[in-house]
PDB file of N, CA and C in Angstrom:
ATOM      1  N   UNK A   1       7.462  20.046 -11.263  1.00  0.00           N
ATOM      2  CA  UNK A   1       7.561  19.005 -10.592  1.00  0.00           C
ATOM      3  C   UNK A   1       7.309  17.612 -11.184  1.00  0.00           C
ATOM      4  N   UNK A   2       8.353  16.691 -11.005  1.00  0.00           N
ATOM      5  CA  UNK A   2       8.243  15.582 -11.663  1.00  0.00           C
ATOM      6  C   UNK A   2       7.619  14.420 -10.521  1.00  0.00           C
ATOM      7  N   UNK A   3       7.396  13.212 -11.045  1.00  0.00           N
ATOM      8  CA  UNK A   3       7.432  12.058 -10.492  1.00  0.00           C
ATOM      9  C   UNK A   3       8.594  11.249  -9.935  1.00  0.00           C
ATOM     10  N   UNK A   4       8.595  10.432  -9.215  1.00  0.00           N
ATOM     11  CA  UNK A   4       9.556   9.606  -8.500  1.00  0.00           C
ATOM     12  C   UNK A   4       8.825   8.112  -8.655  1.00  0.00           C
ATOM     13  N   UNK A   5       9.858   7.049  -8.755  1.00  0.00           N
ATOM     14  CA  UNK A   5       9.392   5.713  -8.822  1.00  0.00           C
ATOM     15  C   UNK A   5      10.295   4.761  -8.245  1.00  0.00           C
ATOM     16  N   UNK A   6      10.163   3.724  -8.236  1.00  0.00           N
ATOM     17  CA  UNK A   6      10.982   2.551  -7.386  1.00  0.00           C
ATOM     18  C   UNK A   6      11.044   1.554  -8.284  1.00  0.00           C
ATOM     19  N   UNK A   7      12.245   0.932  -8.345  1.00  0.00           N
ATOM     20  CA  UNK A   7      12.445  -0.353  -9.337  1.00  0.00           C
ATOM     21  C   UNK A   7      12.670  -1.681  -8.518  1.00  0.00           C
ATOM     22  N   UNK A   8      12.360  -1.621  -6.940  1.00  0.00           N
ATOM     23  CA  UNK A   8      12.510  -2.919  -6.289  1.00  0.00           C
ATOM     24  C   UNK A   8      11.711  -2.831  -5.033  1.00  0.00           C
ATOM     25  N   UNK A   9      11.277  -3.605  -4.378  1.00  0.00           N
ATOM     26  CA  UNK A   9      10.368  -3.574  -3.249  1.00  0.00           C
ATOM     27  C   UNK A   9      11.213  -3.130  -1.877  1.00  0.00           C
ATOM     28  N   UNK A  10      10.454  -2.679  -0.941  1.00  0.00           N
ATOM     29  CA  UNK A  10      11.024  -1.965   0.018  1.00  0.00           C
ATOM     30  C   UNK A  10       9.971  -2.320   1.176  1.00  0.00           C
ATOM     31  N   UNK A  11      10.391  -2.554   2.379  1.00  0.00           N
ATOM     32  CA  UNK A  11       9.710  -3.201   3.528  1.00  0.00           C
ATOM     33  C   UNK A  11       9.961  -2.240   4.929  1.00  0.00           C
ATOM     34  N   UNK A  12       8.948  -2.450   5.613  1.00  0.00           N
ATOM     35  CA  UNK A  12       9.034  -1.743   7.003  1.00  0.00           C
ATOM     36  C   UNK A  12       8.117  -2.171   8.064  1.00  0.00           C
ATOM     37  N   UNK A  13       8.382  -2.290   9.197  1.00  0.00           N
ATOM     38  CA  UNK A  13       7.585  -2.863  10.183  1.00  0.00           C
ATOM     39  C   UNK A  13       7.471  -1.691  11.598  1.00  0.00           C
ATOM     40  N   UNK A  14       5.998  -1.699  11.899  1.00  0.00           N
ATOM     41  CA  UNK A  14       5.684  -0.757  12.919  1.00  0.00           C
ATOM     42  C   UNK A  14       4.776  -1.411  13.962  1.00  0.00           C
ATOM     43  N   UNK A  15       5.119  -1.223  15.203  1.00  0.00           N
ATOM     44  CA  UNK A  15       4.096  -1.897  16.121  1.00  0.00           C
ATOM     45  C   UNK A  15       3.706  -0.648  17.023  1.00  0.00           C
ATOM     46  N   UNK A  16       2.276  -0.592  17.260  1.00  0.00           N
ATOM     47  CA  UNK A  16       1.748   0.534  17.948  1.00  0.00           C
ATOM     48  C   UNK A  16       0.289   0.100  18.448  1.00  0.00           C
ATOM     49  N   UNK A  17       0.422   0.052  19.910  1.00  0.00           N
ATOM     50  CA  UNK A  17      -0.695  -0.372  20.806  1.00  0.00           C
ATOM     51  C   UNK A  17      -1.091  -1.722  20.502  1.00  0.00           C
ATOM     52  N   UNK A  18       0.153  -2.656  20.473  1.00  0.00           N
ATOM     53  CA  UNK A  18      -0.034  -4.142  20.439  1.00  0.00           C
ATOM     54  C   UNK A  18      -0.588  -4.393  18.904  1.00  0.00           C
ATOM     55  N   UNK A  19      -0.649  -3.741  18.206  1.00  0.00           N
ATOM     56  CA  UNK A  19      -0.988  -4.044  16.733  1.00  0.00           C
ATOM     57  C   UNK A  19       0.564  -3.820  15.751  1.00  0.00           C
ATOM     58  N   UNK A  20       0.565  -4.741  14.861  1.00  0.00           N
ATOM     59  CA  UNK A  20       1.640  -4.711  13.895  1.00  0.00           C
ATOM     60  C   UNK A  20       1.440  -4.587  12.647  1.00  0.00           C
ATOM     61  N   UNK A  21       2.210  -3.615  12.043  1.00  0.00           N
ATOM     62  CA  UNK A  21       1.971  -3.238  10.645  1.00  0.00           C
ATOM     63  C   UNK A  21       3.265  -3.522   9.696  1.00  0.00           C
ATOM     64  N   UNK A  22       2.843  -4.430   8.871  1.00  0.00           N
ATOM     65  CA  UNK A  22       4.073  -4.743   7.646  1.00  0.00           C
ATOM     66  C   UNK A  22       3.697  -4.023   6.577  1.00  0.00           C
ATOM     67  N   UNK A  23       4.803  -3.095   6.310  1.00  0.00           N
ATOM     68  CA  UNK A  23       4.265  -2.349   5.078  1.00  0.00           C
ATOM     69  C   UNK A  23       5.388  -2.515   3.672  1.00  0.00           C
ATOM     70  N   UNK A  24       4.736  -2.822   2.782  1.00  0.00           N
ATOM     71  CA  UNK A  24       5.272  -3.204   1.531  1.00  0.00           C
ATOM     72  C   UNK A  24       4.987  -2.057   0.483  1.00  0.00           C
ATOM     73  N   UNK A  25       6.363  -1.578  -0.085  1.00  0.00           N
ATOM     74  CA  UNK A  25       5.971  -0.570  -1.214  1.00  0.00           C
ATOM     75  C   UNK A  25       6.765  -1.430  -2.341  1.00  0.00           C
ATOM     76  N   UNK A  26       5.787  -1.619  -3.435  1.00  0.00           N
ATOM     77  CA  UNK A  26       6.314  -2.358  -4.720  1.00  0.00           C
ATOM     78  C   UNK A  26       6.089  -1.648  -5.839  1.00  0.00           C
ATOM     79  N   UNK A  27       6.744  -1.930  -6.747  1.00  0.00           N
ATOM     80  CA  UNK A  27       6.511  -1.395  -8.415  1.00  0.00           C
ATOM     81  C   UNK A  27       5.259  -1.875  -8.652  1.00  0.00           C
ATOM     82  N   UNK A  28       4.499  -0.983  -9.244  1.00  0.00           N
ATOM     83  CA  UNK A  28       2.946  -1.229  -9.488  1.00  0.00           C
ATOM     84  C   UNK A  28       2.569  -2.538 -10.474  1.00  0.00           C
ATOM     85  N   UNK A  29       3.435  -3.063 -11.196  1.00  0.00           N
ATOM     86  CA  UNK A  29       3.771  -4.107 -12.159  1.00  0.00           C
ATOM     87  C   UNK A  29       3.553  -5.283 -11.310  1.00  0.00           C
ATOM     88  N   UNK A  30       4.002  -5.308 -10.251  1.00  0.00           N
ATOM     89  CA  UNK A  30       4.223  -6.320  -9.332  1.00  0.00           C
ATOM     90  C   UNK A  30       2.933  -6.659  -7.950  1.00  0.00           C
ATOM     91  N   UNK A  31       2.074  -5.387  -8.142  1.00  0.00           N
ATOM     92  CA  UNK A  31       1.320  -5.093  -7.158  1.00  0.00           C
ATOM     93  C   UNK A  31       0.241  -6.350  -6.938  1.00  0.00           C
ATOM     94  N   UNK A  32      -0.405  -6.872  -7.890  1.00  0.00           N
ATOM     95  CA  UNK A  32      -1.243  -7.896  -7.663  1.00  0.00           C
ATOM     96  C   UNK A  32      -0.611  -9.148  -7.363  1.00  0.00           C
ATOM     97  N   UNK A  33       0.335  -9.637  -7.868  1.00  0.00           N
ATOM     98  CA  UNK A  33       0.962 -10.866  -7.517  1.00  0.00           C
ATOM     99  C   UNK A  33       1.529 -10.628  -5.931  1.00  0.00           C
ATOM    100  N   UNK A  34       2.144  -9.613  -5.536  1.00  0.00           N
ATOM    101  CA  UNK A  34       2.530  -9.441  -4.264  1.00  0.00           C
ATOM    102  C   UNK A  34       1.528  -9.368  -3.269  1.00  0.00           C
ATOM    103  N   UNK A  35       0.296  -8.839  -3.346  1.00  0.00           N
ATOM    104  CA  UNK A  35      -0.929  -8.930  -2.770  1.00  0.00           C
ATOM    105  C   UNK A  35      -1.401 -10.239  -2.492  1.00  0.00           C
ATOM    106  N   UNK A  36      -1.582 -11.188  -3.423  1.00  0.00           N
ATOM    107  CA  UNK A  36      -1.837 -12.542  -3.345  1.00  0.00           C
ATOM    108  C   UNK A  36      -0.801 -13.145  -2.470  1.00  0.00           C
ATOM    109  N   UNK A  37       0.490 -13.071  -2.938  1.00  0.00           N
ATOM    110  CA  UNK A  37       1.295 -13.531  -2.192  1.00  0.00           C
ATOM    111  C   UNK A  37       1.338 -13.289  -0.554  1.00  0.00           C
ATOM    112  N   UNK A  38       1.146 -12.106   0.075  1.00  0.00           N
ATOM    113  CA  UNK A  38       1.174 -11.779   1.107  1.00  0.00           C
ATOM    114  C   UNK A  38      -0.087 -12.504   1.863  1.00  0.00           C
ATOM    115  N   UNK A  39      -1.120 -12.453   0.924  1.00  0.00           N
ATOM    116  CA  UNK A  39      -2.563 -12.757   1.546  1.00  0.00           C
ATOM    117  C   UNK A  39      -2.485 -14.320   2.046  1.00  0.00           C
ATOM    118  N   UNK A  40      -1.517 -14.928   1.235  1.00  0.00           N
ATOM    119  CA  UNK A  40      -1.050 -16.513   1.461  1.00  0.00           C
ATOM    120  C   UNK A  40      -0.268 -16.660   2.767  1.00  0.00           C
ATOM    121  N   UNK A  41       0.770 -15.586   2.697  1.00  0.00           N
ATOM    122  CA  UNK A  41       1.970 -15.734   3.818  1.00  0.00           C
ATOM    123  C   UNK A  41       1.234 -15.654   5.149  1.00  0.00           C
ATOM    124  N   UNK A  42       0.339 -14.349   5.135  1.00  0.00           N
ATOM    125  CA  UNK A  42      -0.391 -13.797   6.083  1.00  0.00           C
ATOM    126  C   UNK A  42      -1.511 -14.394   6.461  1.00  0.00           C
ATOM    127  N   UNK A  43      -1.892 -15.412   6.475  1.00  0.00           N
ATOM    128  CA  UNK A  43      -3.345 -15.667   6.634  1.00  0.00           C
ATOM    129  C   UNK A  43      -4.125 -15.454   7.841  1.00  0.00           C
ATOM    130  N   UNK A  44      -3.269 -15.187   8.976  1.00  0.00           N
ATOM    131  CA  UNK A  44      -4.031 -14.604  10.078  1.00  0.00           C
ATOM    132  C   UNK A  44      -4.256 -13.334  10.324  1.00  0.00           C
ATOM    133  N   UNK A  45      -3.489 -12.496   9.596  1.00  0.00           N
ATOM    134  CA  UNK A  45      -3.520 -10.988   9.473  1.00  0.00           C
ATOM    135  C   UNK A  45      -5.206 -10.221   9.361  1.00  0.00           C
ATOM    136  N   UNK A  46      -5.102  -9.233   9.894  1.00  0.00           N
ATOM    137  CA  UNK A  46      -6.707  -8.925  10.169  1.00  0.00           C
ATOM    138  C   UNK A  46      -7.120  -7.944   8.842  1.00  0.00           C
ATOM    139  N   UNK A  47      -6.109  -7.200   8.354  1.00  0.00           N
ATOM    140  CA  UNK A  47      -6.410  -6.604   6.941  1.00  0.00           C
ATOM    141  C   UNK A  47      -5.155  -6.175   6.119  1.00  0.00           C
ATOM    142  N   UNK A  48      -5.574  -6.014   4.941  1.00  0.00           N
ATOM    143  CA  UNK A  48      -4.565  -5.753   3.841  1.00  0.00           C
ATOM    144  C   UNK A  48      -4.810  -4.379   3.104  1.00  0.00           C
ATOM    145  N   UNK A  49      -4.341  -3.432   3.625  1.00  0.00           N
ATOM    146  CA  UNK A  49      -4.640  -2.138   3.204  1.00  0.00           C
ATOM    147  C   UNK A  49      -3.857  -1.795   1.999  1.00  0.00           C
ATOM    148  N   UNK A  50      -4.401  -1.140   0.861  1.00  0.00           N
ATOM    149  CA  UNK A  50      -3.613  -0.952  -0.178  1.00  0.00           C
ATOM    150  C   UNK A  50      -3.652   0.496  -0.823  1.00  0.00           C
ATOM    151  N   UNK A  51      -2.863   0.820  -1.622  1.00  0.00           N
ATOM    152  CA  UNK A  51      -2.704   2.164  -2.305  1.00  0.00           C
ATOM    153  C   UNK A  51      -1.954   2.322  -3.502  1.00  0.00           C
ATOM    154  N   UNK A  52      -2.556   2.659  -4.478  1.00  0.00           N
ATOM    155  CA  UNK A  52      -1.363   2.443  -5.760  1.00  0.00           C
ATOM    156  C   UNK A  52      -1.662   3.885  -6.194  1.00  0.00           C
ATOM    157  N   UNK A  53      -0.576   4.127  -7.197  1.00  0.00           N
ATOM    158  CA  UNK A  53      -0.639   5.228  -8.253  1.00  0.00           C
ATOM    159  C   UNK A  53      -0.038   4.881  -9.601  1.00  0.00           C
ATOM    160  N   UNK A  54      -0.553   5.052 -10.775  1.00  0.00           N
ATOM    161  CA  UNK A  54       0.068   4.814 -12.101  1.00  0.00           C
ATOM    162  C   UNK A  54      -0.297   5.747 -12.879  1.00  0.00           C
ATOM    163  N   UNK A  55       0.681   5.832 -13.982  1.00  0.00           N
ATOM    164  CA  UNK A  55       0.411   6.768 -14.774  1.00  0.00           C
ATOM    165  C   UNK A  55      -0.094   6.231 -16.264  1.00  0.00           C
ATOM    166  N   UNK A  56      -1.474   6.904 -16.746  1.00  0.00           N
ATOM    167  CA  UNK A  56      -1.914   6.075 -17.713  1.00  0.00           C
ATOM    168  C   UNK A  56      -1.344   6.689 -19.106  1.00  0.00           C
ATOM    169  N   UNK A  57      -1.790   6.009 -20.250  1.00  0.00           N
ATOM    170  CA  UNK A  57      -1.112   6.419 -21.262  1.00  0.00           C
ATOM    171  C   UNK A  57      -1.446   7.710 -21.792  1.00  0.00           C
ATOM    172  N   UNK A  58      -2.938   8.376 -21.591  1.00  0.00           N
ATOM    173  CA  UNK A  58      -2.970   9.549 -21.986  1.00  0.00           C
ATOM    174  C   UNK A  58      -2.364  10.964 -20.877  1.00  0.00           C
ATOM    175  N   UNK A  59      -1.443  10.324 -19.896  1.00  0.00           N
ATOM    176  CA  UNK A  59      -0.870  11.379 -18.887  1.00  0.00           C
ATOM    177  C   UNK A  59      -1.728  11.628 -17.614  1.00  0.00           C
ATOM    178  N   UNK A  60      -2.887  11.076 -17.689  1.00  0.00           N
ATOM    179  CA  UNK A  60      -3.858  11.101 -16.237  1.00  0.00           C
ATOM    180  C   UNK A  60      -3.248  10.327 -15.328  1.00  0.00           C
ATOM    181  N   UNK A  61      -3.179  10.424 -14.024  1.00  0.00           N
ATOM    182  CA  UNK A  61      -2.830   9.542 -12.979  1.00  0.00           C
ATOM    183  C   UNK A  61      -4.037   8.470 -12.290  1.00  0.00           C
ATOM    184  N   UNK A  62      -4.122   7.363 -12.579  1.00  0.00           N
ATOM    185  CA  UNK A  62      -5.042   6.289 -11.888  1.00  0.00           C
ATOM    186  C   UNK A  62      -4.426   6.093 -10.303  1.00  0.00           C
ATOM    187  N   UNK A  63      -5.240   6.307  -9.323  1.00  0.00           N
ATOM    188  CA  UNK A  63      -4.818   6.178  -7.847  1.00  0.00           C
ATOM    189  C   UNK A  63      -6.175   5.523  -7.243  1.00  0.00           C
ATOM    190  N   UNK A  64      -5.790   4.894  -6.036  1.00  0.00           N
ATOM    191  CA  UNK A  64      -6.901   4.347  -5.297  1.00  0.00           C
ATOM    192  C   UNK A  64      -6.311   3.992  -3.838  1.00  0.00           C
ATOM    193  N   UNK A  65      -7.211   4.082  -2.909  1.00  0.00           N
ATOM    194  CA  UNK A  65      -6.729   3.797  -1.454  1.00  0.00           C
ATOM    195  C   UNK A  65      -7.746   2.707  -0.897  1.00  0.00           C
ATOM    196  N   UNK A  66      -7.616   1.525  -0.353  1.00  0.00           N
ATOM    197  CA  UNK A  66      -8.654   0.774  -0.133  1.00  0.00           C
ATOM    198  C   UNK A  66      -8.158   0.372   1.577  1.00  0.00           C
ATOM    199  N   UNK A  67      -9.505   0.362   2.354  1.00  0.00           N
ATOM    200  CA  UNK A  67      -9.318   0.371   3.654  1.00  0.00           C
ATOM    201  C   UNK A  67      -9.480  -1.156   4.179  1.00  0.00           C
ATOM    202  N   UNK A  68      -9.776  -2.146   3.288  1.00  0.00           N
ATOM    203  CA  UNK A  68      -9.940  -3.455   3.551  1.00  0.00           C
ATOM    204  C   UNK A  68     -10.595  -3.785   5.076  1.00  0.00           C
ATOM    205  N   UNK A  69     -11.734  -3.449   5.173  1.00  0.00           N
ATOM    206  CA  UNK A  69     -12.346  -3.434   6.361  1.00  0.00           C
ATOM    207  C   UNK A  69     -12.052  -2.630   7.868  1.00  0.00           C
ATOM    208  N   UNK A  70     -11.152  -1.897   7.746  1.00  0.00           N
ATOM    209  CA  UNK A  70     -10.603  -0.704   8.675  1.00  0.00           C
ATOM    210  C   UNK A  70     -11.760   0.315   8.552  1.00  0.00           C
ATOM    211  N   UNK A  71     -11.963   1.362   9.523  1.00  0.00           N
ATOM    212  CA  UNK A  71     -12.819   2.150   9.691  1.00  0.00           C
ATOM    213  C   UNK A  71     -12.864   3.210   8.306  1.00  0.00           C
ATOM    214  N   UNK A  72     -13.935   3.383   7.651  1.00  0.00           N
ATOM    215  CA  UNK A  72     -13.964   3.976   6.251  1.00  0.00           C
ATOM    216  C   UNK A  72     -12.919   5.325   6.456  1.00  0.00           C
ATOM    217  N   UNK A  73     -12.135   5.364   5.346  1.00  0.00           N
ATOM    218  CA  UNK A  73     -11.208   6.692   5.421  1.00  0.00           C
ATOM    219  C   UNK A  73      -9.957   6.800   6.336  1.00  0.00           C
ATOM    220  N   UNK A  74      -9.730   5.632   6.901  1.00  0.00           N
ATOM    221  CA  UNK A  74      -8.911   5.873   8.056  1.00  0.00           C
ATOM    222  C   UNK A  74      -7.428   5.261   7.691  1.00  0.00           C
ATOM    223  N   UNK A  75      -7.427   4.563   6.765  1.00  0.00           N
ATOM    224  CA  UNK A  75      -6.003   3.865   6.352  1.00  0.00           C
ATOM    225  C   UNK A  75      -5.651   3.760   4.561  1.00  0.00           C
ATOM    226  N   UNK A  76      -6.619   3.544   3.919  1.00  0.00           N
ATOM    227  CA  UNK A  76      -6.432   3.542   2.356  1.00  0.00           C
ATOM    228  C   UNK A  76      -6.023   5.082   1.743  1.00  0.00           C
ATOM    229  N   UNK A  77      -6.901   5.727   2.490  1.00  0.00           N
ATOM    230  CA  UNK A  77      -6.808   7.251   1.683  1.00  0.00           C
ATOM    231  C   UNK A  77      -5.404   7.944   2.353  1.00  0.00           C
ATOM    232  N   UNK A  78      -5.370   7.902   3.684  1.00  0.00           N
ATOM    233  CA  UNK A  78      -3.989   8.379   4.499  1.00  0.00           C
ATOM    234  C   UNK A  78      -2.634   7.701   3.592  1.00  0.00           C
ATOM    235  N   UNK A  79      -2.801   6.391   3.206  1.00  0.00           N
ATOM    236  CA  UNK A  79      -1.885   5.808   2.648  1.00  0.00           C
ATOM    237  C   UNK A  79      -1.555   6.251   1.392  1.00  0.00           C
ATOM    238  N   UNK A  80      -2.603   6.820   0.463  1.00  0.00           N
ATOM    239  CA  UNK A  80      -2.585   7.370  -0.768  1.00  0.00           C
ATOM    240  C   UNK A  80      -2.069   8.665  -0.555  1.00  0.00           C
ATOM    241  N   UNK A  81      -2.325   9.433   0.512  1.00  0.00           N
ATOM    242  CA  UNK A  81      -2.023  10.588   0.478  1.00  0.00           C
ATOM    243  C   UNK A  81      -0.450  10.880   0.835  1.00  0.00           C
ATOM    244  N   UNK A  82       0.117  10.037   1.431  1.00  0.00           N
ATOM    245  CA  UNK A  82       1.595   9.895   1.779  1.00  0.00           C
ATOM    246  C   UNK A  82       2.234   9.568   0.440  1.00  0.00           C
ATOM    247  N   UNK A  83       1.700   8.710  -0.564  1.00  0.00           N
ATOM    248  CA  UNK A  83       2.251   8.460  -1.741  1.00  0.00           C
ATOM    249  C   UNK A  83       2.224   9.877  -2.706  1.00  0.00           C
ATOM    250  N   UNK A  84       1.123  10.430  -2.614  1.00  0.00           N
ATOM    251  CA  UNK A  84       0.807  11.868  -3.580  1.00  0.00           C
ATOM    252  C   UNK A  84       2.110  12.516  -2.878  1.00  0.00           C
ATOM    253  N   UNK A  85       2.180  12.791  -1.696  1.00  0.00           N
ATOM    254  CA  UNK A  85       3.111  13.516  -1.126  1.00  0.00           C
ATOM    255  C   UNK A  85       4.322  13.669  -1.465  1.00  0.00           C
ATOM    256  N   UNK A  86       4.866  12.201  -1.724  1.00  0.00           N
ATOM    257  CA  UNK A  86       6.158  11.693  -1.882  1.00  0.00           C
ATOM    258  C   UNK A  86       6.260  11.693  -3.391  1.00  0.00           C
ATOM    259  N   UNK A  87       5.126  12.224  -4.332  1.00  0.00           N
ATOM    260  CA  UNK A  87       5.206  12.172  -5.814  1.00  0.00           C
ATOM    261  C   UNK A  87       5.549  10.804  -6.412  1.00  0.00           C
ATOM    262  N   UNK A  88       5.273   9.823  -5.463  1.00  0.00           N
ATOM    263  CA  UNK A  88       5.339   8.394  -6.377  1.00  0.00           C
ATOM    264  C   UNK A  88       4.504   7.995  -7.396  1.00  0.00           C
ATOM    265  N   UNK A  89       4.730   7.358  -8.271  1.00  0.00           N
ATOM    266  CA  UNK A  89       3.993   6.932  -9.177  1.00  0.00           C
ATOM    267  C   UNK A  89       4.454   5.331  -9.640  1.00  0.00           C
ATOM    268  N   UNK A  90       3.495   4.624 -10.496  1.00  0.00           N
ATOM    269  CA  UNK A  90       3.957   3.363 -10.791  1.00  0.00           C
ATOM    270  C   UNK A  90       4.446   2.631  -9.537  1.00  0.00           C
ATOM    271  N   UNK A  91       3.642   2.767  -8.604  1.00  0.00           N
ATOM    272  CA  UNK A  91       4.088   2.181  -7.299  1.00  0.00           C
ATOM    273  C   UNK A  91       2.947   1.680  -6.353  1.00  0.00           C
ATOM    274  N   UNK A  92       2.813   0.824  -5.535  1.00  0.00           N
ATOM    275  CA  UNK A  92       1.802   0.412  -4.775  1.00  0.00           C
ATOM    276  C   UNK A  92       2.438   0.211  -3.415  1.00  0.00           C
ATOM    277  N   UNK A  93       1.356   0.383  -2.319  1.00  0.00           N
ATOM    278  CA  UNK A  93       1.720   0.203  -1.009  1.00  0.00           C
ATOM    279  C   UNK A  93       0.800  -0.886  -0.338  1.00  0.00           C
ATOM    280  N   UNK A  94       1.158  -1.938   0.385  1.00  0.00           N
ATOM    281  CA  UNK A  94       0.264  -2.982   0.697  1.00  0.00           C
ATOM    282  C   UNK A  94       0.667  -2.898   2.238  1.00  0.00           C
ATOM    283  N   UNK A  95      -0.195  -2.588   3.276  1.00  0.00           N
ATOM    284  CA  UNK A  95       0.071  -2.853   4.710  1.00  0.00           C
ATOM    285  C   UNK A  95      -0.720  -3.915   5.492  1.00  0.00           C
ATOM    286  N   UNK A  96       0.247  -4.875   5.877  1.00  0.00           N
ATOM    287  CA  UNK A  96      -0.571  -6.002   6.474  1.00  0.00           C
ATOM    288  C   UNK A  96      -0.706  -5.636   7.684  1.00  0.00           C
ATOM    289  N   UNK A  97      -1.970  -5.876   8.518  1.00  0.00           N
ATOM    290  CA  UNK A  97      -2.095  -5.314   9.739  1.00  0.00           C
ATOM    291  C   UNK A  97      -2.652  -6.525  10.825  1.00  0.00           C
ATOM    292  N   UNK A  98      -2.075  -6.761  11.619  1.00  0.00           N
ATOM    293  CA  UNK A  98      -2.193  -7.893  12.776  1.00  0.00           C
ATOM    294  C   UNK A  98      -2.973  -7.094  13.911  1.00  0.00           C
ATOM    295  N   UNK A  99      -4.115  -7.315  14.300  1.00  0.00           N
ATOM    296  CA  UNK A  99      -4.734  -6.222  15.515  1.00  0.00           C
ATOM    297  C   UNK A  99      -4.163  -7.087  16.780  1.00  0.00           C
ATOM    298  N   UNK A 100      -3.821  -5.996  17.420  1.00  0.00           N
ATOM    299  CA  UNK A 100      -3.375  -6.582  18.650  1.00  0.00           C
ATOM    300  C   UNK A 100      -4.138  -6.105  20.095  1.00  0.00           C
ATOM    301  N   UNK A 101      -4.974  -5.269  19.854  1.00  0.00           N
ATOM    302  CA  UNK A 101      -5.649  -4.862  21.094  1.00  0.00           C
ATOM    303  C   UNK A 101      -6.403  -3.598  20.871  1.00  0.00           C
TER     304      UNK A 101
END
């Protein structure tokens, strides 16, 4: 079973219990720049949850999920698990959260 990747950004929006979530799936090479741009664009956002997966030169997969102040283990790792289940590689997810209630 192989890996899948993306070549351009995809976005989605979800509203749940008055909170708003803006999800961005980006190619890994653009991850740091896109995160910086989103932090500037959404200065009033409460959290910037991230997850990424990339293939190292030796064939190992480097991956991480970060909660950015959300309760530990409730956002970054679940996001990473979705990426793993979709077999995504060389990609990152950034979820911008506006807390609403």
